[in-house]
Amino acid sequence: MRVIDLSNATWRKSSYSNTDGGNCIEFAPNIPTLVPVRDTKNPAHGTLLFGVEAWAEFVGSVKGQAQ
């Protein structure tokens, strides 16, 4: 299993996150080949890793649903 070093990750809270502190995710867009995603409320509970293309497709789909 490959270990990914996220110590230099710059985390950003999603603009679609709930403003009252619930249902929040954050992601780190500064990793060249991956987009790590974690729960804002529980960052120590783990991180999901998405390929850049898969993340872009997901974000595009979410934006299309919001309109």
PDB file of N, CA and C in Angstrom:
ATOM      1  N   MET A   1       0.834  -1.172   0.000  1.00  0.00           N
ATOM      2  CA  MET A   1       0.000   0.000   0.000  1.00  0.00           C
ATOM      3  C   MET A   1       0.887   1.248   0.000  1.00  0.00           C
ATOM      4  N   ARG A   2       0.565   2.180  -0.848  1.00  0.00           N
ATOM      5  CA  ARG A   2       1.303   3.427  -0.958  1.00  0.00           C
ATOM      6  C   ARG A   2       0.815   4.423   0.099  1.00  0.00           C
ATOM      7  N   VAL A   3       1.729   5.069   0.762  1.00  0.00           N
ATOM      8  CA  VAL A   3       1.393   6.077   1.767  1.00  0.00           C
ATOM      9  C   VAL A   3       1.495   7.452   1.121  1.00  0.00           C
ATOM     10  N   ILE A   4       0.461   8.246   1.287  1.00  0.00           N
ATOM     11  CA  ILE A   4       0.417   9.593   0.726  1.00  0.00           C
ATOM     12  C   ILE A   4       0.689  10.583   1.853  1.00  0.00           C
ATOM     13  N   ASP A   5       1.689  11.420   1.679  1.00  0.00           N
ATOM     14  CA  ASP A   5       2.038  12.429   2.673  1.00  0.00           C
ATOM     15  C   ASP A   5       1.146  13.652   2.475  1.00  0.00           C
ATOM     16  N   LEU A   6       0.281  13.911   3.439  1.00  0.00           N
ATOM     17  CA  LEU A   6      -0.627  15.055   3.361  1.00  0.00           C
ATOM     18  C   LEU A   6      -0.235  16.161   4.335  1.00  0.00           C
ATOM     19  N   SER A   7       0.992  16.091   4.842  1.00  0.00           N
ATOM     20  CA  SER A   7       1.426  17.090   5.827  1.00  0.00           C
ATOM     21  C   SER A   7       1.503  18.501   5.244  1.00  0.00           C
ATOM     22  N   ASN A   8       1.657  18.631   3.940  1.00  0.00           N
ATOM     23  CA  ASN A   8       1.706  19.948   3.303  1.00  0.00           C
ATOM     24  C   ASN A   8       0.386  20.322   2.623  1.00  0.00           C
ATOM     25  N   ALA A   9      -0.649  19.545   2.890  1.00  0.00           N
ATOM     26  CA  ALA A   9      -1.950  19.822   2.273  1.00  0.00           C
ATOM     27  C   ALA A   9      -2.507  21.140   2.797  1.00  0.00           C
ATOM     28  N   THR A  10      -3.038  21.929   1.885  1.00  0.00           N
ATOM     29  CA  THR A  10      -3.710  23.177   2.237  1.00  0.00           C
ATOM     30  C   THR A  10      -5.205  22.920   2.120  1.00  0.00           C
ATOM     31  N   TRP A  11      -5.878  22.802   3.252  1.00  0.00           N
ATOM     32  CA  TRP A  11      -7.286  22.425   3.280  1.00  0.00           C
ATOM     33  C   TRP A  11      -8.189  23.639   3.076  1.00  0.00           C
ATOM     34  N   ARG A  12      -9.226  23.444   2.251  1.00  0.00           N
ATOM     35  CA  ARG A  12     -10.250  24.469   2.001  1.00  0.00           C
ATOM     36  C   ARG A  12     -11.619  23.868   2.292  1.00  0.00           C
ATOM     37  N   LYS A  13     -12.445  24.609   2.981  1.00  0.00           N
ATOM     38  CA  LYS A  13     -13.805  24.158   3.242  1.00  0.00           C
ATOM     39  C   LYS A  13     -14.639  24.355   1.982  1.00  0.00           C
ATOM     40  N   SER A  14     -15.437  23.380   1.653  1.00  0.00           N
ATOM     41  CA  SER A  14     -16.280  23.467   0.467  1.00  0.00           C
ATOM     42  C   SER A  14     -17.273  24.615   0.575  1.00  0.00           C
ATOM     43  N   SER A  15     -17.477  25.333  -0.519  1.00  0.00           N
ATOM     44  CA  SER A  15     -18.449  26.422  -0.528  1.00  0.00           C
ATOM     45  C   SER A  15     -19.880  25.890  -0.441  1.00  0.00           C
ATOM     46  N   TYR A  16     -20.068  24.594  -0.659  1.00  0.00           N
ATOM     47  CA  TYR A  16     -21.387  23.981  -0.557  1.00  0.00           C
ATOM     48  C   TYR A  16     -21.654  23.436   0.844  1.00  0.00           C
ATOM     49  N   SER A  17     -20.707  23.594   1.761  1.00  0.00           N
ATOM     50  CA  SER A  17     -20.891  23.107   3.118  1.00  0.00           C
ATOM     51  C   SER A  17     -21.939  23.931   3.844  1.00  0.00           C
ATOM     52  N   ASN A  18     -22.566  23.295   4.794  1.00  0.00           N
ATOM     53  CA  ASN A  18     -23.595  23.911   5.606  1.00  0.00           C
ATOM     54  C   ASN A  18     -22.981  24.993   6.498  1.00  0.00           C
ATOM     55  N   THR A  19     -23.581  26.158   6.593  1.00  0.00           N
ATOM     56  CA  THR A  19     -23.021  27.268   7.366  1.00  0.00           C
ATOM     57  C   THR A  19     -23.157  27.107   8.872  1.00  0.00           C
ATOM     58  N   ASP A  20     -24.004  26.198   9.355  1.00  0.00           N
ATOM     59  CA  ASP A  20     -24.158  26.035  10.798  1.00  0.00           C
ATOM     60  C   ASP A  20     -23.228  24.974  11.379  1.00  0.00           C
ATOM     61  N   GLY A  21     -22.252  24.521  10.623  1.00  0.00           N
ATOM     62  CA  GLY A  21     -21.265  23.574  11.130  1.00  0.00           C
ATOM     63  C   GLY A  21     -21.559  22.124  10.824  1.00  0.00           C
ATOM     64  N   GLY A  22     -22.690  21.823  10.249  1.00  0.00           N
ATOM     65  CA  GLY A  22     -23.015  20.449   9.905  1.00  0.00           C
ATOM     66  C   GLY A  22     -22.771  20.164   8.440  1.00  0.00           C
ATOM     67  N   ASN A  23     -22.635  18.904   8.095  1.00  0.00           N
ATOM     68  CA  ASN A  23     -22.488  18.454   6.711  1.00  0.00           C
ATOM     69  C   ASN A  23     -21.376  19.172   5.963  1.00  0.00           C
ATOM     70  N   CYS A  24     -20.214  19.281   6.586  1.00  0.00           N
ATOM     71  CA  CYS A  24     -19.109  20.018   5.983  1.00  0.00           C
ATOM     72  C   CYS A  24     -18.008  19.078   5.496  1.00  0.00           C
ATOM     73  N   ILE A  25     -17.471  19.393   4.349  1.00  0.00           N
ATOM     74  CA  ILE A  25     -16.276  18.704   3.883  1.00  0.00           C
ATOM     75  C   ILE A  25     -15.223  19.753   3.559  1.00  0.00           C
ATOM     76  N   GLU A  26     -13.996  19.302   3.563  1.00  0.00           N
ATOM     77  CA  GLU A  26     -12.908  20.158   3.101  1.00  0.00           C
ATOM     78  C   GLU A  26     -12.026  19.331   2.193  1.00  0.00           C
ATOM     79  N   PHE A  27     -11.339  20.017   1.303  1.00  0.00           N
ATOM     80  CA  PHE A  27     -10.488  19.346   0.331  1.00  0.00           C
ATOM     81  C   PHE A  27      -9.179  20.107   0.209  1.00  0.00           C
ATOM     82  N   ALA A  28      -8.182  19.416  -0.309  1.00  0.00           N
ATOM     83  CA  ALA A  28      -6.860  20.023  -0.481  1.00  0.00           C
ATOM     84  C   ALA A  28      -6.523  20.036  -1.970  1.00  0.00           C
ATOM     85  N   PRO A  29      -6.702  21.181  -2.626  1.00  0.00           N
ATOM     86  CA  PRO A  29      -6.460  21.247  -4.066  1.00  0.00           C
ATOM     87  C   PRO A  29      -4.992  21.387  -4.469  1.00  0.00           C
ATOM     88  N   ASN A  30      -4.077  21.418  -3.504  1.00  0.00           N
ATOM     89  CA  ASN A  30      -2.669  21.666  -3.837  1.00  0.00           C
ATOM     90  C   ASN A  30      -1.832  20.397  -3.994  1.00  0.00           C
ATOM     91  N   ILE A  31      -2.444  19.227  -4.030  1.00  0.00           N
ATOM     92  CA  ILE A  31      -1.713  17.974  -4.258  1.00  0.00           C
ATOM     93  C   ILE A  31      -1.782  17.696  -5.766  1.00  0.00           C
ATOM     94  N   PRO A  32      -0.659  17.539  -6.459  1.00  0.00           N
ATOM     95  CA  PRO A  32      -0.659  17.498  -7.926  1.00  0.00           C
ATOM     96  C   PRO A  32      -1.531  16.425  -8.588  1.00  0.00           C
ATOM     97  N   THR A  33      -1.563  15.211  -8.096  1.00  0.00           N
ATOM     98  CA  THR A  33      -2.268  14.142  -8.804  1.00  0.00           C
ATOM     99  C   THR A  33      -3.506  13.632  -8.085  1.00  0.00           C
ATOM    100  N   LEU A  34      -3.750  14.125  -6.879  1.00  0.00           N
ATOM    101  CA  LEU A  34      -4.879  13.656  -6.079  1.00  0.00           C
ATOM    102  C   LEU A  34      -5.612  14.831  -5.450  1.00  0.00           C
ATOM    103  N   VAL A  35      -6.877  14.594  -5.100  1.00  0.00           N
ATOM    104  CA  VAL A  35      -7.635  15.565  -4.317  1.00  0.00           C
ATOM    105  C   VAL A  35      -8.102  14.854  -3.052  1.00  0.00           C
ATOM    106  N   PRO A  36      -7.445  15.126  -1.925  1.00  0.00           N
ATOM    107  CA  PRO A  36      -7.881  14.548  -0.658  1.00  0.00           C
ATOM    108  C   PRO A  36      -9.132  15.278  -0.150  1.00  0.00           C
ATOM    109  N   VAL A  37     -10.063  14.517   0.423  1.00  0.00           N
ATOM    110  CA  VAL A  37     -11.307  15.066   0.948  1.00  0.00           C
ATOM    111  C   VAL A  37     -11.518  14.481   2.340  1.00  0.00           C
ATOM    112  N   ARG A  38     -11.931  15.326   3.285  1.00  0.00           N
ATOM    113  CA  ARG A  38     -12.180  14.845   4.648  1.00  0.00           C
ATOM    114  C   ARG A  38     -13.361  15.582   5.263  1.00  0.00           C
ATOM    115  N   ASP A  39     -13.849  15.046   6.362  1.00  0.00           N
ATOM    116  CA  ASP A  39     -14.943  15.634   7.121  1.00  0.00           C
ATOM    117  C   ASP A  39     -14.383  16.759   7.982  1.00  0.00           C
ATOM    118  N   THR A  40     -14.896  17.958   7.838  1.00  0.00           N
ATOM    119  CA  THR A  40     -14.407  19.107   8.596  1.00  0.00           C
ATOM    120  C   THR A  40     -14.511  18.883  10.098  1.00  0.00           C
ATOM    121  N   LYS A  41     -15.595  18.260  10.534  1.00  0.00           N
ATOM    122  CA  LYS A  41     -15.821  18.067  11.957  1.00  0.00           C
ATOM    123  C   LYS A  41     -14.924  16.978  12.548  1.00  0.00           C
ATOM    124  N   ASN A  42     -14.493  16.034  11.731  1.00  0.00           N
ATOM    125  CA  ASN A  42     -13.697  14.892  12.197  1.00  0.00           C
ATOM    126  C   ASN A  42     -12.508  14.626  11.275  1.00  0.00           C
ATOM    127  N   PRO A  43     -11.573  15.553  11.144  1.00  0.00           N
ATOM    128  CA  PRO A  43     -10.472  15.375  10.193  1.00  0.00           C
ATOM    129  C   PRO A  43      -9.576  14.176  10.504  1.00  0.00           C
ATOM    130  N   ALA A  44      -9.523  13.750  11.747  1.00  0.00           N
ATOM    131  CA  ALA A  44      -8.671  12.617  12.113  1.00  0.00           C
ATOM    132  C   ALA A  44      -9.303  11.269  11.756  1.00  0.00           C
ATOM    133  N   HIS A  45     -10.553  11.267  11.339  1.00  0.00           N
ATOM    134  CA  HIS A  45     -11.235  10.012  11.015  1.00  0.00           C
ATOM    135  C   HIS A  45     -10.908   9.472   9.632  1.00  0.00           C
ATOM    136  N   GLY A  46     -10.050  10.125   8.919  1.00  0.00           N
ATOM    137  CA  GLY A  46      -9.628   9.595   7.630  1.00  0.00           C
ATOM    138  C   GLY A  46      -9.868  10.558   6.485  1.00  0.00           C
ATOM    139  N   THR A  47      -9.251  10.236   5.380  1.00  0.00           N
ATOM    140  CA  THR A  47      -9.305  11.068   4.185  1.00  0.00           C
ATOM    141  C   THR A  47      -9.607  10.187   2.983  1.00  0.00           C
ATOM    142  N   LEU A  48     -10.496  10.618   2.150  1.00  0.00           N
ATOM    143  CA  LEU A  48     -10.750   9.951   0.875  1.00  0.00           C
ATOM    144  C   LEU A  48      -9.866  10.602  -0.176  1.00  0.00           C
ATOM    145  N   LEU A  49      -9.312   9.812  -1.066  1.00  0.00           N
ATOM    146  CA  LEU A  49      -8.449  10.340  -2.124  1.00  0.00           C
ATOM    147  C   LEU A  49      -9.109  10.104  -3.477  1.00  0.00           C
ATOM    148  N   PHE A  50      -9.229  11.171  -4.248  1.00  0.00           N
ATOM    149  CA  PHE A  50      -9.806  11.099  -5.583  1.00  0.00           C
ATOM    150  C   PHE A  50      -8.767  11.521  -6.603  1.00  0.00           C
ATOM    151  N   GLY A  51      -8.805  10.906  -7.764  1.00  0.00           N
ATOM    152  CA  GLY A  51      -7.989  11.361  -8.871  1.00  0.00           C
ATOM    153  C   GLY A  51      -8.488  12.737  -9.310  1.00  0.00           C
ATOM    154  N   VAL A  52      -7.605  13.544  -9.878  1.00  0.00           N
ATOM    155  CA  VAL A  52      -7.967  14.906 -10.280  1.00  0.00           C
ATOM    156  C   VAL A  52      -9.134  14.899 -11.272  1.00  0.00           C
ATOM    157  N   GLU A  53      -9.103  13.992 -12.241  1.00  0.00           N
ATOM    158  CA  GLU A  53     -10.167  13.930 -13.249  1.00  0.00           C
ATOM    159  C   GLU A  53     -11.493  13.519 -12.617  1.00  0.00           C
ATOM    160  N   ALA A  54     -11.463  12.538 -11.727  1.00  0.00           N
ATOM    161  CA  ALA A  54     -12.688  12.083 -11.057  1.00  0.00           C
ATOM    162  C   ALA A  54     -13.271  13.208 -10.202  1.00  0.00           C
ATOM    163  N   TRP A  55     -12.405  13.948  -9.512  1.00  0.00           N
ATOM    164  CA  TRP A  55     -12.880  15.055  -8.679  1.00  0.00           C
ATOM    165  C   TRP A  55     -13.512  16.141  -9.540  1.00  0.00           C
ATOM    166  N   ALA A  56     -12.876  16.469 -10.654  1.00  0.00           N
ATOM    167  CA  ALA A  56     -13.415  17.499 -11.556  1.00  0.00           C
ATOM    168  C   ALA A  56     -14.789  17.077 -12.089  1.00  0.00           C
ATOM    169  N   GLU A  57     -14.940  15.808 -12.425  1.00  0.00           N
ATOM    170  CA  GLU A  57     -16.226  15.319 -12.913  1.00  0.00           C
ATOM    171  C   GLU A  57     -17.288  15.392 -11.807  1.00  0.00           C
ATOM    172  N   PHE A  58     -16.917  15.024 -10.580  1.00  0.00           N
ATOM    173  CA  PHE A  58     -17.837  15.103  -9.450  1.00  0.00           C
ATOM    174  C   PHE A  58     -18.283  16.545  -9.205  1.00  0.00           C
ATOM    175  N   VAL A  59     -17.331  17.472  -9.147  1.00  0.00           N
ATOM    176  CA  VAL A  59     -17.647  18.880  -8.887  1.00  0.00           C
ATOM    177  C   VAL A  59     -18.546  19.432 -10.005  1.00  0.00           C
ATOM    178  N   GLY A  60     -18.228  19.087 -11.253  1.00  0.00           N
ATOM    179  CA  GLY A  60     -19.056  19.533 -12.374  1.00  0.00           C
ATOM    180  C   GLY A  60     -20.479  19.013 -12.270  1.00  0.00           C
ATOM    181  N   SER A  61     -20.611  17.776 -11.818  1.00  0.00           N
ATOM    182  CA  SER A  61     -21.949  17.190 -11.656  1.00  0.00           C
ATOM    183  C   SER A  61     -22.718  17.880 -10.533  1.00  0.00           C
ATOM    184  N   VAL A  62     -22.047  18.160  -9.435  1.00  0.00           N
ATOM    185  CA  VAL A  62     -22.695  18.844  -8.312  1.00  0.00           C
ATOM    186  C   VAL A  62     -23.128  20.247  -8.724  1.00  0.00           C
ATOM    187  N   LYS A  63     -22.266  20.944  -9.424  1.00  0.00           N
ATOM    188  CA  LYS A  63     -22.614  22.294  -9.872  1.00  0.00           C
ATOM    189  C   LYS A  63     -23.817  22.258 -10.820  1.00  0.00           C
ATOM    190  N   GLY A  64     -23.886  21.250 -11.658  1.00  0.00           N
ATOM    191  CA  GLY A  64     -25.024  21.095 -12.570  1.00  0.00           C
ATOM    192  C   GLY A  64     -26.315  20.829 -11.837  1.00  0.00           C
ATOM    193  N   GLN A  65     -26.249  20.119 -10.708  1.00  0.00           N
ATOM    194  CA  GLN A  65     -27.440  19.827  -9.906  1.00  0.00           C
ATOM    195  C   GLN A  65     -27.934  21.057  -9.161  1.00  0.00           C
ATOM    196  N   ALA A  66     -27.020  21.959  -8.817  1.00  0.00           N
ATOM    197  CA  ALA A  66     -27.373  23.114  -7.991  1.00  0.00           C
ATOM    198  C   ALA A  66     -28.091  24.208  -8.777  1.00  0.00           C
ATOM    199  N   GLN A  67     -28.052  24.145 -10.075  1.00  0.00           N
ATOM    200  CA  GLN A  67     -28.642  25.219 -10.880  1.00  0.00           C
ATOM    201  C   GLN A  67     -30.134  25.081 -11.005  1.00  0.00           C
TER     202      GLN A  67
END
